Amino acid sequence: MAWLYLGFAGLLEIVWASFLKQSEGFTRLTPSVITLVAMAGSFWLLALAMRSLPLGTAYAIWTGIGAVGAFVVGIVVMGEAATLGRILSVALLITGMVGLKLSSGH
């Protein structure tokens, strides 16, 4: 169940990061509220996952899901550049997350 909590926490991190950008420094109400609600949910689910997962593994995978997801949203939704260097760098993040999952013993 901890991995499921962690996965949903990571998805909420993507949501809050995306809406944080759209909030324009918390100057727009709706994106700001979505950011704060998603942030609270993400932290809560991360805390639940950390009840049984190691700190380093849980935190690294949580931030990794958020980073990779925000990267994808940036390219697909916000029109950011999809350069080879950026894509290879994100591939390294994914490789690291898979390695952490496989070696965590949970």
N, C-alpha and C. Protein backbone atom coordinates (compact mmCIF):
# COMPACT_ATOMS: atom_id res chain seq x y z
N MET A 1 0.82 -1.19 0.00
CA MET A 1 0.00 0.00 0.00
C MET A 1 0.87 1.27 0.00
N ALA A 2 2.05 1.18 0.62
CA ALA A 2 2.93 2.34 0.70
C ALA A 2 3.35 2.83 -0.68
N TRP A 3 3.61 1.89 -1.60
CA TRP A 3 4.01 2.29 -2.95
C TRP A 3 2.87 2.98 -3.68
N LEU A 4 1.64 2.55 -3.41
CA LEU A 4 0.48 3.20 -4.01
C LEU A 4 0.34 4.63 -3.48
N TYR A 5 0.48 4.78 -2.17
CA TYR A 5 0.47 6.13 -1.57
C TYR A 5 1.55 7.01 -2.21
N LEU A 6 2.72 6.43 -2.36
CA LEU A 6 3.84 7.20 -2.92
C LEU A 6 3.57 7.60 -4.37
N GLY A 7 2.99 6.70 -5.14
CA GLY A 7 2.65 7.01 -6.52
C GLY A 7 1.65 8.15 -6.62
N PHE A 8 0.61 8.10 -5.80
CA PHE A 8 -0.38 9.18 -5.81
C PHE A 8 0.20 10.48 -5.28
N ALA A 9 1.10 10.38 -4.29
CA ALA A 9 1.77 11.59 -3.79
C ALA A 9 2.59 12.24 -4.91
N GLY A 10 3.26 11.42 -5.70
CA GLY A 10 4.03 11.93 -6.82
C GLY A 10 3.15 12.57 -7.89
N LEU A 11 1.99 11.97 -8.15
CA LEU A 11 1.07 12.56 -9.12
C LEU A 11 0.55 13.91 -8.64
N LEU A 12 0.25 14.00 -7.34
CA LEU A 12 -0.18 15.29 -6.80
C LEU A 12 0.94 16.31 -6.84
N GLU A 13 2.18 15.85 -6.75
CA GLU A 13 3.30 16.78 -6.87
C GLU A 13 3.35 17.38 -8.28
N ILE A 14 3.05 16.57 -9.27
CA ILE A 14 2.99 17.07 -10.64
C ILE A 14 1.89 18.14 -10.76
N VAL A 15 0.75 17.86 -10.14
CA VAL A 15 -0.37 18.80 -10.18
C VAL A 15 0.04 20.12 -9.54
N TRP A 16 0.61 20.05 -8.32
CA TRP A 16 0.91 21.33 -7.65
C TRP A 16 2.02 22.09 -8.34
N ALA A 17 2.98 21.39 -8.89
CA ALA A 17 4.06 22.10 -9.60
C ALA A 17 3.52 22.80 -10.85
N SER A 18 2.64 22.11 -11.56
CA SER A 18 2.06 22.68 -12.78
C SER A 18 1.21 23.90 -12.47
N PHE A 19 0.39 23.80 -11.42
CA PHE A 19 -0.47 24.92 -11.08
C PHE A 19 0.30 26.04 -10.38
N LEU A 20 1.41 25.70 -9.75
CA LEU A 20 2.26 26.75 -9.18
C LEU A 20 2.75 27.67 -10.30
N LYS A 21 3.15 27.08 -11.40
CA LYS A 21 3.57 27.87 -12.56
C LYS A 21 2.42 28.75 -13.05
N GLN A 22 1.24 28.17 -13.12
CA GLN A 22 0.07 28.91 -13.62
C GLN A 22 -0.44 29.96 -12.63
N SER A 23 -0.06 29.82 -11.35
CA SER A 23 -0.52 30.80 -10.34
C SER A 23 0.17 32.15 -10.49
N GLU A 24 1.25 32.16 -11.28
CA GLU A 24 2.02 33.39 -11.49
C GLU A 24 2.41 34.05 -10.17
N GLY A 25 3.10 33.26 -9.35
CA GLY A 25 3.58 33.77 -8.06
C GLY A 25 2.46 33.98 -7.06
N PHE A 26 1.47 33.11 -7.08
CA PHE A 26 0.29 33.18 -6.20
C PHE A 26 -0.52 34.45 -6.41
N THR A 27 -0.52 34.97 -7.63
CA THR A 27 -1.33 36.16 -7.93
C THR A 27 -2.66 35.80 -8.58
N ARG A 28 -2.85 34.54 -8.93
CA ARG A 28 -4.12 34.08 -9.52
C ARG A 28 -4.76 33.10 -8.55
N LEU A 29 -6.01 33.35 -8.16
CA LEU A 29 -6.66 32.62 -7.07
C LEU A 29 -6.83 31.13 -7.35
N THR A 30 -7.49 30.76 -8.43
CA THR A 30 -7.80 29.35 -8.66
C THR A 30 -6.55 28.48 -8.76
N PRO A 31 -5.57 28.84 -9.59
CA PRO A 31 -4.36 28.01 -9.62
C PRO A 31 -3.64 27.99 -8.26
N SER A 32 -3.71 29.07 -7.51
CA SER A 32 -3.07 29.12 -6.20
C SER A 32 -3.73 28.14 -5.23
N VAL A 33 -5.07 28.10 -5.23
CA VAL A 33 -5.80 27.19 -4.35
C VAL A 33 -5.52 25.74 -4.74
N ILE A 34 -5.55 25.45 -6.05
CA ILE A 34 -5.25 24.09 -6.51
C ILE A 34 -3.84 23.69 -6.09
N THR A 35 -2.90 24.60 -6.21
CA THR A 35 -1.52 24.34 -5.80
C THR A 35 -1.46 23.94 -4.33
N LEU A 36 -2.08 24.72 -3.48
CA LEU A 36 -2.00 24.48 -2.03
C LEU A 36 -2.72 23.19 -1.63
N VAL A 37 -3.86 22.90 -2.23
CA VAL A 37 -4.60 21.67 -1.91
C VAL A 37 -3.81 20.45 -2.37
N ALA A 38 -3.30 20.50 -3.60
CA ALA A 38 -2.52 19.38 -4.12
C ALA A 38 -1.24 19.18 -3.33
N MET A 39 -0.63 20.29 -2.90
CA MET A 39 0.58 20.22 -2.10
C MET A 39 0.31 19.52 -0.76
N ALA A 40 -0.77 19.90 -0.11
CA ALA A 40 -1.12 19.29 1.17
C ALA A 40 -1.39 17.80 1.00
N GLY A 41 -2.14 17.45 -0.05
CA GLY A 41 -2.42 16.04 -0.30
C GLY A 41 -1.17 15.25 -0.62
N SER A 42 -0.27 15.85 -1.37
CA SER A 42 0.98 15.19 -1.73
C SER A 42 1.83 14.90 -0.49
N PHE A 43 1.95 15.91 0.37
CA PHE A 43 2.72 15.72 1.60
C PHE A 43 2.09 14.68 2.51
N TRP A 44 0.77 14.69 2.61
CA TRP A 44 0.06 13.73 3.47
C TRP A 44 0.29 12.31 2.97
N LEU A 45 0.14 12.10 1.66
CA LEU A 45 0.37 10.76 1.11
C LEU A 45 1.83 10.33 1.24
N LEU A 46 2.75 11.27 1.07
CA LEU A 46 4.17 10.95 1.27
C LEU A 46 4.40 10.51 2.71
N ALA A 47 3.79 11.20 3.66
CA ALA A 47 3.94 10.83 5.07
C ALA A 47 3.40 9.43 5.32
N LEU A 48 2.28 9.08 4.71
CA LEU A 48 1.73 7.73 4.87
C LEU A 48 2.68 6.70 4.29
N ALA A 49 3.24 6.99 3.13
CA ALA A 49 4.18 6.05 2.49
C ALA A 49 5.42 5.85 3.35
N MET A 50 5.87 6.93 3.99
CA MET A 50 7.10 6.86 4.80
C MET A 50 6.92 6.07 6.09
N ARG A 51 5.70 5.69 6.40
CA ARG A 51 5.51 4.83 7.58
C ARG A 51 6.25 3.50 7.40
N SER A 52 6.34 3.03 6.15
CA SER A 52 6.99 1.74 5.94
C SER A 52 8.12 1.76 4.92
N LEU A 53 8.23 2.82 4.14
CA LEU A 53 9.33 2.88 3.17
C LEU A 53 10.50 3.67 3.75
N PRO A 54 11.72 3.34 3.36
CA PRO A 54 12.87 4.10 3.84
C PRO A 54 12.80 5.56 3.37
N LEU A 55 13.24 6.46 4.21
CA LEU A 55 13.22 7.90 3.93
C LEU A 55 13.84 8.22 2.58
N GLY A 56 15.07 7.80 2.37
CA GLY A 56 15.78 8.15 1.14
C GLY A 56 15.10 7.64 -0.11
N THR A 57 14.60 6.43 -0.05
CA THR A 57 13.90 5.84 -1.20
C THR A 57 12.60 6.59 -1.47
N ALA A 58 11.79 6.77 -0.44
CA ALA A 58 10.49 7.43 -0.60
C ALA A 58 10.66 8.85 -1.11
N TYR A 59 11.55 9.60 -0.50
CA TYR A 59 11.71 11.00 -0.88
C TYR A 59 12.28 11.13 -2.29
N ALA A 60 13.26 10.31 -2.63
CA ALA A 60 13.86 10.39 -3.96
C ALA A 60 12.85 10.02 -5.04
N ILE A 61 12.05 9.00 -4.81
CA ILE A 61 11.07 8.60 -5.81
C ILE A 61 9.94 9.63 -5.90
N TRP A 62 9.52 10.18 -4.77
CA TRP A 62 8.48 11.22 -4.76
C TRP A 62 8.92 12.43 -5.58
N THR A 63 10.12 12.90 -5.30
CA THR A 63 10.61 14.06 -6.06
C THR A 63 10.87 13.69 -7.52
N GLY A 64 11.30 12.46 -7.75
CA GLY A 64 11.55 12.01 -9.12
C GLY A 64 10.27 11.96 -9.95
N ILE A 65 9.20 11.43 -9.36
CA ILE A 65 7.91 11.40 -10.07
C ILE A 65 7.49 12.83 -10.40
N GLY A 66 7.63 13.71 -9.42
CA GLY A 66 7.27 15.10 -9.65
C GLY A 66 8.11 15.76 -10.71
N ALA A 67 9.41 15.51 -10.68
CA ALA A 67 10.32 16.12 -11.65
C ALA A 67 10.04 15.61 -13.06
N VAL A 68 9.90 14.32 -13.21
CA VAL A 68 9.66 13.74 -14.53
C VAL A 68 8.28 14.19 -15.04
N GLY A 69 7.29 14.14 -14.17
CA GLY A 69 5.95 14.55 -14.57
C GLY A 69 5.88 16.02 -14.95
N ALA A 70 6.52 16.87 -14.15
CA ALA A 70 6.54 18.30 -14.47
C ALA A 70 7.28 18.55 -15.79
N PHE A 71 8.32 17.79 -16.02
CA PHE A 71 9.06 17.87 -17.28
C PHE A 71 8.14 17.55 -18.46
N VAL A 72 7.38 16.47 -18.34
CA VAL A 72 6.46 16.07 -19.41
C VAL A 72 5.36 17.12 -19.61
N VAL A 73 4.77 17.60 -18.51
CA VAL A 73 3.74 18.63 -18.60
C VAL A 73 4.31 19.89 -19.26
N GLY A 74 5.54 20.24 -18.88
CA GLY A 74 6.17 21.40 -19.47
C GLY A 74 6.29 21.30 -20.98
N ILE A 75 6.65 20.13 -21.46
CA ILE A 75 6.80 19.93 -22.90
C ILE A 75 5.44 19.82 -23.59
N VAL A 76 4.57 18.96 -23.08
CA VAL A 76 3.31 18.66 -23.75
C VAL A 76 2.30 19.80 -23.63
N VAL A 77 2.19 20.39 -22.45
CA VAL A 77 1.15 21.40 -22.21
C VAL A 77 1.66 22.82 -22.40
N MET A 78 2.88 23.07 -21.95
CA MET A 78 3.37 24.45 -21.92
C MET A 78 4.34 24.78 -23.04
N GLY A 79 4.60 23.82 -23.91
CA GLY A 79 5.41 24.09 -25.09
C GLY A 79 6.90 24.29 -24.83
N GLU A 80 7.41 23.73 -23.75
CA GLU A 80 8.84 23.85 -23.46
C GLU A 80 9.65 22.97 -24.42
N ALA A 81 10.91 23.27 -24.54
CA ALA A 81 11.79 22.55 -25.48
C ALA A 81 12.01 21.11 -25.05
N ALA A 82 11.98 20.21 -26.04
CA ALA A 82 12.27 18.80 -25.80
C ALA A 82 13.60 18.47 -26.46
N THR A 83 14.68 18.99 -25.90
CA THR A 83 15.99 18.75 -26.49
C THR A 83 16.52 17.38 -26.08
N LEU A 84 17.46 16.89 -26.85
CA LEU A 84 18.05 15.59 -26.57
C LEU A 84 18.69 15.58 -25.18
N GLY A 85 19.39 16.62 -24.84
CA GLY A 85 20.04 16.68 -23.52
C GLY A 85 19.04 16.62 -22.38
N ARG A 86 17.92 17.32 -22.50
CA ARG A 86 16.89 17.30 -21.45
C ARG A 86 16.27 15.91 -21.35
N ILE A 87 15.98 15.30 -22.49
CA ILE A 87 15.36 13.97 -22.49
C ILE A 87 16.30 12.93 -21.90
N LEU A 88 17.57 12.98 -22.26
CA LEU A 88 18.55 12.03 -21.69
C LEU A 88 18.70 12.23 -20.18
N SER A 89 18.66 13.46 -19.75
CA SER A 89 18.78 13.75 -18.32
C SER A 89 17.59 13.18 -17.55
N VAL A 90 16.40 13.32 -18.09
CA VAL A 90 15.21 12.76 -17.44
C VAL A 90 15.26 11.23 -17.47
N ALA A 91 15.80 10.67 -18.54
CA ALA A 91 15.96 9.21 -18.61
C ALA A 91 16.87 8.72 -17.48
N LEU A 92 17.88 9.50 -17.14
CA LEU A 92 18.74 9.14 -16.01
C LEU A 92 17.97 9.18 -14.69
N LEU A 93 17.10 10.17 -14.53
CA LEU A 93 16.26 10.23 -13.32
C LEU A 93 15.39 8.98 -13.21
N ILE A 94 14.77 8.60 -14.32
CA ILE A 94 13.90 7.42 -14.32
C ILE A 94 14.70 6.17 -14.00
N THR A 95 15.88 6.06 -14.56
CA THR A 95 16.75 4.91 -14.27
C THR A 95 17.07 4.85 -12.78
N GLY A 96 17.36 5.97 -12.19
CA GLY A 96 17.65 6.02 -10.77
C GLY A 96 16.45 5.62 -9.91
N MET A 97 15.26 6.07 -10.30
CA MET A 97 14.06 5.71 -9.55
C MET A 97 13.78 4.20 -9.63
N VAL A 98 13.94 3.64 -10.83
CA VAL A 98 13.75 2.20 -10.98
C VAL A 98 14.76 1.45 -10.13
N GLY A 99 16.01 1.90 -10.15
CA GLY A 99 17.04 1.27 -9.33
C GLY A 99 16.71 1.31 -7.85
N LEU A 100 16.21 2.44 -7.38
CA LEU A 100 15.81 2.56 -5.97
C LEU A 100 14.67 1.61 -5.64
N LYS A 101 13.70 1.54 -6.51
CA LYS A 101 12.55 0.63 -6.27
C LYS A 101 13.02 -0.81 -6.22
N LEU A 102 13.85 -1.20 -7.17
CA LEU A 102 14.29 -2.59 -7.24
C LEU A 102 15.20 -2.98 -6.07
N SER A 103 15.93 -2.02 -5.55
CA SER A 103 16.86 -2.34 -4.46
C SER A 103 16.32 -2.02 -3.08
N SER A 104 15.07 -1.58 -2.99
CA SER A 104 14.53 -1.15 -1.69
C SER A 104 14.15 -2.31 -0.78
N GLY A 105 13.85 -3.46 -1.36
CA GLY A 105 13.46 -4.60 -0.54
C GLY A 105 12.02 -4.55 -0.07
N HIS A 106 11.24 -3.59 -0.53
CA HIS A 106 9.82 -3.49 -0.14
C HIS A 106 8.93 -3.79 -1.31
